[in-house]
Amino acid sequence: MDDLQAFGIEAGKGRYYEEAFYGLVLVYTVLFDKVAKTLDTFDLTPAKMNVLMIIKHQGGQEGLSQMEIGKRLMVTASNMTRLLDKLEREKLIERFGRDGDRRIKVARISKRGAQILDQAWPEYMKTMKEITDKLSGTEQKILSEMMIKWFRSLKD
């Protein structure tokens, strides 16, 4: 059975909106699985990687509040708290009260967290490159432009 037929889509029947939508879902599923497998060797999940990258690169030495992290990831406060609790237990981040308002918890990447990210990054990039190399450079450029255009149109 064709992958799209599993979704009730018959490719080539002119219902391109369905092929585009479900094709994207299928591609995302494969991408997620491949990235998750790569990160697993570093005891990371895609969610952990995303949080650590946001904290490290957008929070810097000052860190980011849990609310700021949650906005960037679009997750519920309870999910964010659980994920940050886990990262803190694994000593990948440090949390502390913000100067001037101890009620606001701020997360900052730990030395261990930064080291693991530095180790995982080359393998993550290698996986991303292997996945995208299934398309030619021209196809990658066209796809990139289309996805950015689509994203921006949906965002508005």
Foldseek 3Di string as FASTA:
>chain_A
DDPLVVVVDDPPPPPVVSVVVVVVVVLVVVLQVLLQVLCVVLVDHPVLLLLLCCQPPVVPPVAAWLVVSCVVVVDDSVVSVVSVVVCVVVQQWDWAAHPPGRVTIGIHGGPVNVVSSVVSVVSSVVSVCVSVVVDDPVVSVVVVVVVVVVVVVVVD
